[in-house]
Amino acid sequence: MERQVVEIPEFAEVFGVHPATVRRLIDSGAIKILRIASRVMIPISELNRALSEGLPRRRRGGADHRGAKAGR
């Protein structure tokens, strides 16, 4: 039987990012998850989508990299 989900550390390893980065993307809604009991799992379909489209970029709330509001 083919796997249907991966855990956060596995997803992070595939993309070469820290698991905390994946958690932030989950919190922002950029990556969809399944909760199985107390575990957070990422569907293989989300992994495949991220592989084909690229890892979603986390939104930073309108601030630029210096912390000032954009457009000022």
N, C-alpha and C. Protein backbone atom coordinates (compact mmCIF):
# COMPACT_ATOMS: atom_id res chain seq x y z
N MET A 1 0.84 -1.18 0.00
CA MET A 1 0.00 0.00 0.00
C MET A 1 0.89 1.25 0.00
N GLU A 2 0.52 2.20 -0.80
CA GLU A 2 1.28 3.44 -0.94
C GLU A 2 0.99 4.38 0.23
N ARG A 3 2.01 5.09 0.68
CA ARG A 3 1.84 6.05 1.78
C ARG A 3 0.92 7.19 1.37
N GLN A 4 0.10 7.63 2.30
CA GLN A 4 -0.84 8.72 2.04
C GLN A 4 -0.45 10.02 2.73
N VAL A 5 0.42 9.94 3.76
CA VAL A 5 0.81 11.12 4.53
C VAL A 5 2.29 11.06 4.90
N VAL A 6 2.85 12.23 5.21
CA VAL A 6 4.21 12.32 5.76
C VAL A 6 4.16 13.21 6.99
N GLU A 7 5.13 13.06 7.85
CA GLU A 7 5.22 13.89 9.03
C GLU A 7 6.03 15.14 8.70
N ILE A 8 5.94 16.14 9.57
CA ILE A 8 6.61 17.42 9.35
C ILE A 8 8.11 17.26 9.12
N PRO A 9 8.83 16.48 9.94
CA PRO A 9 10.28 16.35 9.69
C PRO A 9 10.62 15.78 8.31
N GLU A 10 9.81 14.83 7.83
CA GLU A 10 10.04 14.26 6.49
C GLU A 10 9.82 15.31 5.41
N PHE A 11 8.73 16.06 5.54
CA PHE A 11 8.43 17.12 4.57
C PHE A 11 9.57 18.13 4.55
N ALA A 12 10.04 18.53 5.72
CA ALA A 12 11.13 19.51 5.83
C ALA A 12 12.40 18.99 5.18
N GLU A 13 12.70 17.72 5.38
CA GLU A 13 13.92 17.13 4.81
C GLU A 13 13.89 17.16 3.29
N VAL A 14 12.73 16.87 2.71
CA VAL A 14 12.60 16.87 1.24
C VAL A 14 12.98 18.23 0.67
N PHE A 15 12.59 19.30 1.36
CA PHE A 15 12.82 20.66 0.85
C PHE A 15 14.06 21.33 1.43
N GLY A 16 14.74 20.65 2.35
CA GLY A 16 15.96 21.21 2.92
C GLY A 16 15.69 22.42 3.81
N VAL A 17 14.56 22.39 4.52
CA VAL A 17 14.22 23.48 5.43
C VAL A 17 14.06 22.91 6.84
N HIS A 18 14.04 23.79 7.81
CA HIS A 18 13.86 23.38 9.20
C HIS A 18 12.38 23.05 9.44
N PRO A 19 12.09 22.07 10.29
CA PRO A 19 10.70 21.74 10.59
C PRO A 19 9.89 22.95 11.09
N ALA A 20 10.53 23.88 11.77
CA ALA A 20 9.83 25.09 12.23
C ALA A 20 9.32 25.91 11.04
N THR A 21 10.05 25.90 9.95
CA THR A 21 9.60 26.59 8.73
C THR A 21 8.33 25.95 8.20
N VAL A 22 8.29 24.64 8.21
CA VAL A 22 7.10 23.92 7.75
C VAL A 22 5.92 24.23 8.67
N ARG A 23 6.16 24.28 9.98
CA ARG A 23 5.09 24.61 10.92
C ARG A 23 4.55 26.01 10.68
N ARG A 24 5.43 26.96 10.38
CA ARG A 24 4.97 28.33 10.08
C ARG A 24 4.12 28.35 8.81
N LEU A 25 4.53 27.59 7.81
CA LEU A 25 3.73 27.51 6.58
C LEU A 25 2.37 26.87 6.84
N ILE A 26 2.34 25.89 7.71
CA ILE A 26 1.06 25.28 8.10
C ILE A 26 0.20 26.31 8.82
N ASP A 27 0.78 27.03 9.77
CA ASP A 27 0.03 28.03 10.53
C ASP A 27 -0.52 29.13 9.63
N SER A 28 0.20 29.46 8.55
CA SER A 28 -0.26 30.52 7.65
C SER A 28 -1.30 30.02 6.65
N GLY A 29 -1.51 28.70 6.62
CA GLY A 29 -2.48 28.12 5.70
C GLY A 29 -1.91 27.75 4.34
N ALA A 30 -0.60 27.90 4.17
CA ALA A 30 0.03 27.62 2.89
C ALA A 30 0.17 26.12 2.62
N ILE A 31 0.18 25.32 3.67
CA ILE A 31 0.27 23.86 3.55
C ILE A 31 -0.91 23.27 4.31
N LYS A 32 -1.66 22.40 3.64
CA LYS A 32 -2.81 21.74 4.27
C LYS A 32 -2.33 20.53 5.05
N ILE A 33 -3.02 20.26 6.16
CA ILE A 33 -2.63 19.15 7.02
C ILE A 33 -3.84 18.29 7.35
N LEU A 34 -3.53 17.13 7.92
CA LEU A 34 -4.53 16.25 8.53
C LEU A 34 -4.10 16.06 9.98
N ARG A 35 -5.04 16.10 10.89
CA ARG A 35 -4.74 15.78 12.29
C ARG A 35 -5.23 14.36 12.54
N ILE A 36 -4.31 13.52 12.97
CA ILE A 36 -4.63 12.14 13.29
C ILE A 36 -4.27 11.97 14.77
N ALA A 37 -5.31 11.92 15.59
CA ALA A 37 -5.14 11.97 17.05
C ALA A 37 -4.41 13.28 17.36
N SER A 38 -3.28 13.21 18.02
CA SER A 38 -2.54 14.43 18.34
C SER A 38 -1.43 14.72 17.33
N ARG A 39 -1.34 13.91 16.28
CA ARG A 39 -0.27 14.06 15.29
C ARG A 39 -0.71 14.93 14.12
N VAL A 40 0.21 15.73 13.64
CA VAL A 40 -0.03 16.57 12.46
C VAL A 40 0.64 15.88 11.28
N MET A 41 -0.15 15.54 10.28
CA MET A 41 0.36 14.84 9.10
C MET A 41 0.07 15.67 7.86
N ILE A 42 0.96 15.57 6.89
CA ILE A 42 0.80 16.29 5.62
C ILE A 42 0.47 15.28 4.54
N PRO A 43 -0.66 15.48 3.85
CA PRO A 43 -1.02 14.53 2.79
C PRO A 43 0.05 14.50 1.69
N ILE A 44 0.24 13.33 1.12
CA ILE A 44 1.18 13.17 0.00
C ILE A 44 0.80 14.12 -1.14
N SER A 45 -0.49 14.37 -1.31
CA SER A 45 -0.92 15.30 -2.37
C SER A 45 -0.34 16.70 -2.15
N GLU A 46 -0.20 17.13 -0.89
CA GLU A 46 0.41 18.43 -0.59
C GLU A 46 1.91 18.40 -0.90
N LEU A 47 2.56 17.30 -0.57
CA LEU A 47 3.98 17.14 -0.88
C LEU A 47 4.19 17.20 -2.39
N ASN A 48 3.37 16.47 -3.14
CA ASN A 48 3.49 16.47 -4.60
C ASN A 48 3.21 17.85 -5.19
N ARG A 49 2.21 18.56 -4.63
CA ARG A 49 1.90 19.91 -5.10
C ARG A 49 3.09 20.85 -4.87
N ALA A 50 3.68 20.75 -3.68
CA ALA A 50 4.82 21.60 -3.37
C ALA A 50 6.03 21.25 -4.23
N LEU A 51 6.20 19.98 -4.55
CA LEU A 51 7.30 19.58 -5.42
C LEU A 51 7.12 20.14 -6.83
N SER A 52 5.89 20.15 -7.33
CA SER A 52 5.66 20.63 -8.69
C SER A 52 5.58 22.15 -8.77
N GLU A 53 5.01 22.80 -7.74
CA GLU A 53 4.82 24.25 -7.78
C GLU A 53 5.89 25.02 -7.01
N GLY A 54 6.65 24.31 -6.19
CA GLY A 54 7.62 24.98 -5.33
C GLY A 54 7.02 25.16 -3.95
N LEU A 55 7.88 25.25 -2.98
CA LEU A 55 7.43 25.43 -1.60
C LEU A 55 6.76 26.79 -1.47
N PRO A 56 5.56 26.82 -0.89
CA PRO A 56 4.86 28.11 -0.76
C PRO A 56 5.68 29.09 0.06
N ARG A 57 5.57 30.36 -0.27
CA ARG A 57 6.27 31.40 0.49
C ARG A 57 5.35 31.89 1.58
N ARG A 58 5.90 32.05 2.74
CA ARG A 58 5.12 32.53 3.88
C ARG A 58 4.86 34.02 3.72
N ARG A 59 3.62 34.43 3.97
CA ARG A 59 3.29 35.85 3.90
C ARG A 59 3.81 36.54 5.14
N ARG A 60 4.29 37.76 4.98
CA ARG A 60 4.88 38.47 6.11
C ARG A 60 4.03 39.64 6.58
N GLY A 61 2.75 39.66 6.27
CA GLY A 61 1.86 40.67 6.81
C GLY A 61 2.06 42.07 6.28
N GLY A 62 2.58 42.22 5.07
CA GLY A 62 2.71 43.53 4.45
C GLY A 62 3.97 44.28 4.80
N ALA A 63 4.80 43.76 5.65
CA ALA A 63 6.04 44.45 6.00
C ALA A 63 7.16 43.97 5.08
N ASP A 64 8.07 44.87 4.76
CA ASP A 64 9.21 44.45 3.95
C ASP A 64 10.27 43.86 4.88
N HIS A 65 11.42 43.51 4.35
CA HIS A 65 12.44 42.82 5.13
C HIS A 65 13.04 43.68 6.24
N ARG A 66 12.84 44.99 6.21
CA ARG A 66 13.36 45.87 7.26
C ARG A 66 12.35 46.11 8.37
N GLY A 67 11.14 45.58 8.21
CA GLY A 67 10.13 45.74 9.22
C GLY A 67 9.23 46.96 9.02
N ALA A 68 9.54 47.79 8.04
CA ALA A 68 8.70 48.97 7.75
C ALA A 68 7.52 48.53 6.88
N LYS A 69 6.44 49.24 6.98
CA LYS A 69 5.29 48.93 6.14
C LYS A 69 5.65 49.17 4.67
N ALA A 70 5.21 48.27 3.83
CA ALA A 70 5.49 48.38 2.39
C ALA A 70 4.84 49.65 1.85
N GLY A 71 5.53 50.31 0.97
CA GLY A 71 4.99 51.49 0.30
C GLY A 71 5.25 52.78 1.03
N ARG A 72 5.99 52.75 2.12
CA ARG A 72 6.29 54.00 2.85
C ARG A 72 7.69 54.46 2.57
